[in-house]
Amino acid sequence: MANRSRQQASIRRTAQVAASGLLTTTWFLMQSLVALPPAMAQTEEDDELTYGEFLELIDSGQVDQVDIDPNRGRAEVRLKSDLEEDPPQEVILFQNDGRNPELIQRLREQDVDVEIQPEGGGNNFAWIATNTLVIMLLVFGLLLILRRTANSAGGAMSFGRSRARFQMEAKTGVQFDDVAGIEEAKEELQEVVSFLKNPEKFTAIGAKIPRGVLLVGPPGTGKTLLAKAIAGEAAVPFFSISGSEFVEMFVGVGASRVRDLFKKAKENAPCIVFIDEIDAVGRQRGTGIGGGNDEREQTLNQLLTEMDGFEGNSGVIVIAATNRVDVLDMALLRPGRFDRQVIVDLPSYKGRLEILKVHA
């Protein structure tokens, strides 16, 4: 819990720093937009007139029409020598020069057609729209950060949840007829399938089914396929997980996932819990670094307690597969836990022919 609390505090601090940086950047951006006059925000084009050239053209009588835009601080100039299809030339005016009576009088003396656009036009609207867009982006960014923070906190709290694949109706698509070459193993597991199909018939006479079945054999002999066939034949809820998925770098996460897995299994009993490659979590205790109590040993201790502890798990059959039975902890193999070992050996000549018939 202490590690989880520290991790949540670290996530909150990271989100606060990111939000603060976003606020600061947006604030400086808004200040620059506010402080920047609209006239200075425009870039100077290469083909526009200078103010001095504009005055010389007025005095020489070459100007035909001038459209002054006080909002932009610019004027569009048409010369008498320009054709109708020629675009007007632009000139940057000095501040407040669009309303300068001397400039207007100078244009009137040369019989220049002068038009002055009203102030507060479309440029101010564009400036307001830009600032509104910046504010909306700021709010959206803050909401996105808060949402990610909430998801991160929820993910930290869900570390201890089981990652087992669950099927309410085990539609694995594999039956005993699809498994060949291991007839002895199938015969030993018929009892498990019968119990899962009709548990009342066994409990009525006081019979007990093994709580755990360990499939032992070399790699590639069909242990996982046999577990799928058991689930397909029994048609009961089926939980499937790998032994390595219990182990994490955070202490206590693996034990929490074991508790969550068996809690769900008991709610859906009778059911099958299949743990593939159980040697990843079920190795002998006391062989870690310095012989200490590491995360893997805590996970194994919780698994031993769930399989045969104070609380019974009637109706939950744990099937595990491994090819390293020699490294498993002795407490995991005692009666009451994995008290039945089914050897899945290499197929014989006859078994290989049966396998060929299944695939052909």
Protein backbone atom coordinates (compact mmCIF):
# COMPACT_ATOMS: atom_id res chain seq x y z
CA MET A 1 0.00 0.00 0.00
CA ALA A 2 2.89 2.37 0.76
CA ASN A 3 4.39 1.81 -2.70
CA ARG A 4 0.99 2.31 -4.30
CA SER A 5 0.44 5.57 -2.38
CA ARG A 6 3.87 6.88 -3.36
CA GLN A 7 3.20 6.03 -6.99
CA GLN A 8 -0.14 7.85 -6.94
CA ALA A 9 1.51 10.90 -5.31
CA SER A 10 4.19 10.86 -8.02
CA ILE A 11 1.52 10.72 -10.75
CA ARG A 12 -0.31 13.69 -9.19
CA ARG A 13 2.91 15.74 -8.97
CA THR A 14 3.72 15.01 -12.61
CA ALA A 15 0.23 16.09 -13.69
CA GLN A 16 0.47 19.28 -11.63
CA VAL A 17 3.84 20.20 -13.16
CA ALA A 18 2.52 19.54 -16.69
CA ALA A 19 -0.60 21.62 -16.03
CA SER A 20 1.48 24.46 -14.59
CA GLY A 21 3.79 24.47 -17.61
CA LEU A 22 0.81 24.52 -19.98
CA LEU A 23 -0.78 27.42 -18.09
CA THR A 24 2.45 29.44 -18.12
CA THR A 25 3.03 28.92 -21.84
CA THR A 26 -0.55 29.83 -22.70
CA TRP A 27 -0.43 32.93 -20.50
CA PHE A 28 2.70 34.28 -22.21
CA LEU A 29 1.14 33.52 -25.59
CA MET A 30 -2.02 35.45 -24.71
CA GLN A 31 0.03 38.38 -23.37
CA SER A 32 2.02 38.54 -26.60
CA LEU A 33 -1.20 38.51 -28.62
CA VAL A 34 -2.70 41.28 -26.52
CA ALA A 35 0.46 43.42 -26.60
CA LEU A 36 1.03 42.99 -30.31
CA PRO A 37 -0.73 45.68 -32.34
CA PRO A 38 -2.62 44.44 -35.35
CA ALA A 39 -0.58 46.69 -37.63
CA MET A 40 2.72 45.15 -36.48
CA ALA A 41 1.35 41.60 -36.77
CA GLN A 42 1.30 41.90 -40.53
CA THR A 43 4.37 40.86 -42.50
CA GLU A 44 5.84 43.20 -45.00
CA GLU A 45 5.59 42.05 -48.56
CA ASP A 46 8.34 42.59 -51.07
CA ASP A 47 6.18 44.39 -53.68
CA GLU A 48 4.55 46.99 -51.39
CA LEU A 49 5.32 50.70 -51.50
CA THR A 50 7.29 52.55 -48.86
CA TYR A 51 5.75 55.59 -47.21
CA GLY A 52 8.23 57.91 -48.90
CA GLU A 53 7.45 56.49 -52.33
CA PHE A 54 3.76 56.88 -51.57
CA LEU A 55 4.17 60.61 -50.83
CA GLU A 56 6.29 61.13 -53.96
CA LEU A 57 3.61 59.45 -56.09
CA ILE A 58 0.96 61.74 -54.56
CA ASP A 59 2.97 64.91 -55.23
CA SER A 60 3.70 63.83 -58.81
CA GLY A 61 0.00 63.24 -59.48
CA GLN A 62 0.33 59.54 -60.35
CA VAL A 63 -2.12 58.27 -57.69
CA ASP A 64 -5.67 57.62 -58.85
CA GLN A 65 -7.36 56.02 -55.82
CA VAL A 66 -6.46 55.26 -52.17
CA ASP A 67 -8.39 52.94 -49.83
CA ILE A 68 -7.26 53.48 -46.22
CA ASP A 69 -7.82 50.77 -43.58
CA PRO A 70 -7.17 52.28 -40.11
CA ASN A 71 -7.60 48.93 -38.42
CA ARG A 72 -4.65 47.38 -40.26
CA GLY A 73 -2.65 50.57 -40.60
CA ARG A 74 -2.42 50.06 -44.35
CA ALA A 75 -3.60 51.67 -47.55
CA GLU A 76 -4.26 50.20 -50.98
CA VAL A 77 -3.00 52.43 -53.78
CA ARG A 78 -4.04 52.39 -57.43
CA LEU A 79 -2.01 54.41 -59.90
CA LYS A 80 -3.32 56.11 -62.99
CA SER A 81 -1.01 53.98 -65.09
CA ASP A 82 -2.38 50.69 -63.69
CA LEU A 83 -4.65 48.48 -65.75
CA GLU A 84 -7.99 47.27 -64.43
CA GLU A 85 -6.73 43.72 -63.89
CA ASP A 86 -3.63 44.91 -61.99
CA PRO A 87 -3.85 44.39 -58.19
CA PRO A 88 -3.52 47.49 -56.00
CA GLN A 89 -0.24 48.21 -54.23
CA GLU A 90 -0.11 48.41 -50.47
CA VAL A 91 1.69 50.86 -48.24
CA ILE A 92 2.19 50.77 -44.47
CA LEU A 93 1.02 53.96 -42.81
CA PHE A 94 2.37 55.46 -39.64
CA GLN A 95 0.37 55.09 -36.44
CA ASN A 96 -2.91 57.04 -36.65
CA ASP A 97 -1.88 58.25 -40.11
CA GLY A 98 -5.03 56.80 -41.56
CA ARG A 99 -6.93 59.67 -39.90
CA ASN A 100 -4.23 62.32 -40.48
CA PRO A 101 -5.95 65.46 -41.86
CA GLU A 102 -2.71 66.57 -43.55
CA LEU A 103 -2.50 63.35 -45.54
CA ILE A 104 -6.18 63.58 -46.48
CA GLN A 105 -5.75 67.20 -47.54
CA ARG A 106 -2.69 66.27 -49.58
CA LEU A 107 -4.68 63.60 -51.41
CA ARG A 108 -7.61 65.98 -52.00
CA GLU A 109 -5.33 68.61 -53.55
CA GLN A 110 -4.22 66.05 -56.15
CA ASP A 111 -7.84 65.02 -56.91
CA VAL A 112 -7.26 61.52 -55.53
CA ASP A 113 -10.33 59.42 -54.78
CA VAL A 114 -10.01 58.60 -51.04
CA GLU A 115 -12.02 55.99 -49.18
CA ILE A 116 -11.59 55.35 -45.43
CA GLN A 117 -12.94 52.12 -43.96
CA PRO A 118 -14.72 52.34 -40.60
CA GLU A 119 -12.79 51.27 -37.51
CA GLY A 120 -13.63 48.15 -35.51
CA GLY A 121 -14.10 45.94 -38.55
CA GLY A 122 -13.18 42.38 -39.36
CA ASN A 123 -9.61 42.59 -38.05
CA ASN A 124 -10.81 43.06 -34.47
CA PHE A 125 -13.19 40.16 -34.92
CA ALA A 126 -10.34 37.95 -36.10
CA TRP A 127 -8.22 39.04 -33.13
CA ILE A 128 -11.03 38.16 -30.69
CA ALA A 129 -11.62 34.83 -32.42
CA THR A 130 -7.90 34.00 -32.13
CA ASN A 131 -7.86 34.70 -28.39
CA THR A 132 -11.04 32.67 -27.92
CA LEU A 133 -9.45 29.75 -29.74
CA VAL A 134 -6.37 29.96 -27.48
CA ILE A 135 -8.58 29.87 -24.37
CA MET A 136 -10.52 26.88 -25.71
CA LEU A 137 -7.25 25.04 -26.40
CA LEU A 138 -6.14 25.81 -22.85
CA VAL A 139 -9.34 24.38 -21.36
CA PHE A 140 -9.13 21.32 -23.59
CA GLY A 141 -5.52 20.71 -22.56
CA LEU A 142 -6.38 20.94 -18.86
CA LEU A 143 -9.28 18.51 -19.27
CA LEU A 144 -7.02 16.09 -21.15
CA ILE A 145 -4.39 16.23 -18.37
CA LEU A 146 -7.02 15.67 -15.67
CA ARG A 147 -8.45 12.72 -17.58
CA ARG A 148 -5.03 11.12 -17.99
CA THR A 149 -4.32 11.64 -14.31
CA ALA A 150 -7.56 9.90 -13.37
CA ASN A 151 -6.80 7.02 -15.73
CA SER A 152 -3.28 6.67 -14.32
CA ALA A 153 -4.62 6.59 -10.78
CA GLY A 154 -7.18 3.97 -11.79
CA GLY A 155 -4.47 1.94 -13.51
CA ALA A 156 -2.35 2.05 -10.36
CA MET A 157 -5.27 0.74 -8.32
CA SER A 158 -5.93 -2.04 -10.86
CA PHE A 159 -2.42 -3.51 -10.68
CA GLY A 160 -3.66 -6.20 -8.35
CA ARG A 161 -6.48 -7.38 -10.59
CA SER A 162 -6.18 -10.70 -12.31
CA ARG A 163 -5.31 -10.71 -16.00
CA ALA A 164 -6.77 -14.13 -16.62
CA ARG A 165 -8.69 -14.66 -19.85
CA PHE A 166 -12.20 -15.68 -18.90
CA GLN A 167 -14.86 -17.47 -20.91
CA MET A 168 -18.23 -18.05 -19.30
CA GLU A 169 -18.90 -20.90 -21.70
CA ALA A 170 -15.63 -22.53 -22.63
CA LYS A 171 -15.91 -22.51 -26.41
CA THR A 172 -12.36 -23.59 -27.04
CA GLY A 173 -13.30 -25.57 -30.13
CA VAL A 174 -11.24 -28.54 -28.89
CA GLN A 175 -12.68 -31.87 -27.75
CA PHE A 176 -11.05 -35.09 -26.62
CA ASP A 177 -11.53 -36.44 -30.13
CA ASP A 178 -9.21 -33.69 -31.40
CA VAL A 179 -6.39 -34.84 -29.11
CA ALA A 180 -4.50 -37.96 -30.11
CA GLY A 181 -1.37 -39.73 -29.03
CA ILE A 182 -1.92 -39.31 -25.25
CA GLU A 183 -4.72 -41.80 -24.57
CA GLU A 184 -3.52 -42.59 -21.02
CA ALA A 185 -3.66 -38.93 -20.02
CA LYS A 186 -7.15 -38.53 -21.47
CA GLU A 187 -8.42 -41.53 -19.50
CA GLU A 188 -7.08 -40.10 -16.24
CA LEU A 189 -8.79 -36.78 -16.89
CA GLN A 190 -12.19 -38.29 -17.72
CA GLU A 191 -12.98 -38.23 -14.00
CA VAL A 192 -12.41 -34.48 -13.85
CA VAL A 193 -14.72 -33.91 -16.81
CA SER A 194 -17.42 -36.13 -15.27
CA PHE A 195 -17.26 -34.19 -11.99
CA LEU A 196 -17.57 -30.84 -13.76
CA LYS A 197 -20.56 -32.04 -15.77
CA ASN A 198 -22.42 -33.65 -12.83
CA PRO A 199 -20.93 -32.54 -9.50
CA GLU A 200 -24.07 -33.57 -7.55
CA LYS A 201 -23.52 -37.24 -8.41
CA PHE A 202 -20.13 -37.17 -6.71
CA THR A 203 -21.01 -35.01 -3.70
CA ALA A 204 -24.10 -37.12 -2.93
CA ILE A 205 -21.94 -40.13 -2.06
CA GLY A 206 -19.24 -38.06 -0.33
CA ALA A 207 -16.65 -38.38 -3.08
CA LYS A 208 -14.00 -35.71 -3.44
CA ILE A 209 -12.42 -34.62 -6.67
CA PRO A 210 -8.73 -33.62 -6.76
CA ARG A 211 -8.33 -29.88 -6.29
CA GLY A 212 -5.35 -29.65 -8.57
CA VAL A 213 -4.15 -31.61 -11.59
CA LEU A 214 -0.60 -31.12 -12.80
CA LEU A 215 0.16 -31.93 -16.43
CA VAL A 216 3.81 -32.93 -16.67
CA GLY A 217 5.67 -33.69 -19.85
CA PRO A 218 8.31 -32.55 -22.32
CA PRO A 219 7.69 -29.44 -24.45
CA GLY A 220 5.35 -29.95 -27.38
CA THR A 221 3.49 -33.01 -26.10
CA GLY A 222 0.09 -31.26 -26.01
CA LYS A 223 -0.39 -30.19 -22.37
CA THR A 224 -2.05 -26.89 -23.23
CA LEU A 225 -4.15 -28.57 -25.94
CA LEU A 226 -5.28 -31.15 -23.39
CA ALA A 227 -6.39 -28.40 -20.99
CA LYS A 228 -8.43 -26.82 -23.81
CA ALA A 229 -10.02 -30.19 -24.48
CA ILE A 230 -11.01 -30.58 -20.82
CA ALA A 231 -12.69 -27.16 -20.87
CA GLY A 232 -14.40 -27.93 -24.18
CA GLU A 233 -15.72 -31.30 -22.95
CA ALA A 234 -16.96 -29.99 -19.59
CA ALA A 235 -18.48 -26.75 -21.02
CA VAL A 236 -17.90 -24.85 -17.77
CA PRO A 237 -16.40 -21.40 -17.09
CA PHE A 238 -12.73 -21.43 -17.98
CA PHE A 239 -9.97 -19.15 -16.65
CA SER A 240 -6.65 -19.22 -18.48
CA ILE A 241 -3.48 -17.45 -17.32
CA SER A 242 0.28 -17.86 -17.56
CA GLY A 243 2.45 -18.22 -14.48
CA SER A 244 4.64 -15.31 -15.52
CA GLU A 245 1.66 -12.92 -15.45
CA PHE A 246 1.51 -13.15 -11.66
CA VAL A 247 5.01 -11.79 -11.16
CA GLU A 248 5.58 -8.03 -11.24
CA MET A 249 8.27 -5.65 -10.04
CA PHE A 250 5.93 -4.25 -7.38
CA VAL A 251 5.80 -6.22 -4.15
CA GLY A 252 2.40 -7.75 -3.38
CA VAL A 253 0.92 -7.41 -6.87
CA GLY A 254 1.26 -11.11 -7.71
CA ALA A 255 -0.40 -12.21 -4.45
CA SER A 256 -3.22 -9.75 -5.07
CA ARG A 257 -3.79 -11.16 -8.55
CA VAL A 258 -3.95 -14.68 -7.14
CA ARG A 259 -6.61 -13.59 -4.63
CA ASP A 260 -8.61 -11.83 -7.32
CA LEU A 261 -8.38 -14.85 -9.65
CA PHE A 262 -9.68 -17.33 -7.08
CA LYS A 263 -12.38 -14.90 -5.94
CA LYS A 264 -13.77 -14.77 -9.47
CA ALA A 265 -13.40 -18.54 -9.83
CA LYS A 266 -15.38 -19.23 -6.65
CA GLU A 267 -18.16 -16.94 -7.86
CA ASN A 268 -18.44 -19.03 -11.06
CA ALA A 269 -17.90 -22.51 -9.57
CA PRO A 270 -17.77 -25.20 -10.80
CA CYS A 271 -15.06 -23.98 -13.15
CA ILE A 272 -11.53 -24.62 -14.38
CA VAL A 273 -8.49 -22.46 -13.66
CA PHE A 274 -5.67 -23.26 -16.05
CA ILE A 275 -2.17 -21.98 -15.19
CA ASP A 276 0.32 -22.50 -18.00
CA GLU A 277 4.04 -22.75 -17.20
CA ILE A 278 3.47 -22.77 -13.45
CA ASP A 279 7.20 -23.22 -12.82
CA ALA A 280 7.55 -19.44 -13.42
CA VAL A 281 5.86 -18.80 -10.07
CA GLY A 282 6.00 -22.18 -8.29
CA ARG A 283 9.73 -22.64 -7.88
CA GLN A 284 11.15 -23.79 -4.57
CA ARG A 285 11.21 -21.09 -1.90
CA GLY A 286 14.40 -19.90 -0.28
CA THR A 287 16.44 -19.99 -3.48
CA GLY A 288 16.14 -16.30 -4.33
CA ILE A 289 18.77 -13.60 -3.91
CA GLY A 290 20.09 -14.03 -0.38
CA GLY A 291 17.29 -16.48 0.40
CA GLY A 292 14.96 -13.54 1.10
CA ASN A 293 11.20 -13.19 0.78
CA ASP A 294 10.87 -11.82 -2.72
CA GLU A 295 7.79 -11.08 -4.78
CA ARG A 296 7.68 -14.54 -6.39
CA GLU A 297 7.66 -16.28 -3.01
CA GLN A 298 4.78 -14.11 -1.78
CA THR A 299 2.82 -15.03 -4.90
CA LEU A 300 3.52 -18.73 -4.32
CA ASN A 301 2.49 -18.48 -0.66
CA GLN A 302 -0.83 -16.93 -1.67
CA LEU A 303 -1.37 -19.64 -4.30
CA LEU A 304 -0.77 -22.37 -1.70
CA THR A 305 -3.24 -20.74 0.68
CA GLU A 306 -5.94 -20.38 -1.96
CA MET A 307 -5.66 -23.99 -3.08
CA ASP A 308 -5.78 -25.51 0.41
CA GLY A 309 -6.22 -23.04 3.26
CA PHE A 310 -8.86 -22.17 5.83
CA GLU A 311 -11.43 -21.48 3.13
CA GLY A 312 -12.42 -24.24 0.80
CA ASN A 313 -12.62 -23.77 -2.94
CA SER A 314 -15.15 -26.47 -3.72
CA GLY A 315 -15.93 -26.69 -7.40
CA VAL A 316 -12.74 -24.96 -8.51
CA ILE A 317 -10.30 -27.29 -10.23
CA VAL A 318 -6.85 -25.95 -10.90
CA ILE A 319 -5.04 -27.45 -13.88
CA ALA A 320 -1.41 -26.51 -14.38
CA ALA A 321 1.15 -27.43 -17.00
CA THR A 322 4.91 -27.57 -16.68
CA ASN A 323 7.94 -29.32 -18.11
CA ARG A 324 10.09 -28.56 -15.06
CA VAL A 325 8.41 -30.49 -12.25
CA ASP A 326 11.77 -30.96 -10.53
CA VAL A 327 12.01 -27.25 -9.62
CA LEU A 328 8.51 -26.94 -8.13
CA ASP A 329 8.09 -26.35 -4.41
CA MET A 330 7.29 -29.47 -2.37
CA ALA A 331 4.29 -27.78 -0.72
CA LEU A 332 2.75 -27.32 -4.13
CA LEU A 333 2.87 -31.06 -4.85
CA ARG A 334 1.49 -32.39 -1.55
CA PRO A 335 -2.03 -33.94 -1.24
CA GLY A 336 -4.71 -31.29 -1.11
CA ARG A 337 -3.08 -29.15 -3.77
CA PHE A 338 -1.64 -30.67 -6.93
CA ASP A 339 -2.19 -34.15 -5.57
CA ARG A 340 -2.52 -35.73 -9.00
CA GLN A 341 0.14 -35.67 -11.66
CA VAL A 342 -0.75 -36.68 -15.18
CA ILE A 343 2.23 -37.62 -17.31
CA VAL A 344 1.91 -36.39 -20.88
CA ASP A 345 4.69 -38.32 -22.55
CA LEU A 346 5.95 -38.34 -26.10
CA PRO A 347 3.58 -40.23 -28.42
CA SER A 348 4.39 -43.73 -29.56
CA TYR A 349 4.39 -44.92 -33.16
CA LYS A 350 0.67 -45.70 -32.96
CA GLY A 351 0.03 -42.33 -31.31
CA ARG A 352 1.84 -40.50 -34.08
CA LEU A 353 -0.38 -42.21 -36.64
CA GLU A 354 -3.46 -41.08 -34.71
CA ILE A 355 -2.12 -37.52 -34.66
CA LEU A 356 -1.58 -37.68 -38.40
CA LYS A 357 -5.17 -38.82 -38.88
CA VAL A 358 -6.49 -35.89 -36.82
CA HIS A 359 -4.62 -33.32 -38.91
CA ALA A 360 -5.12 -35.06 -42.24
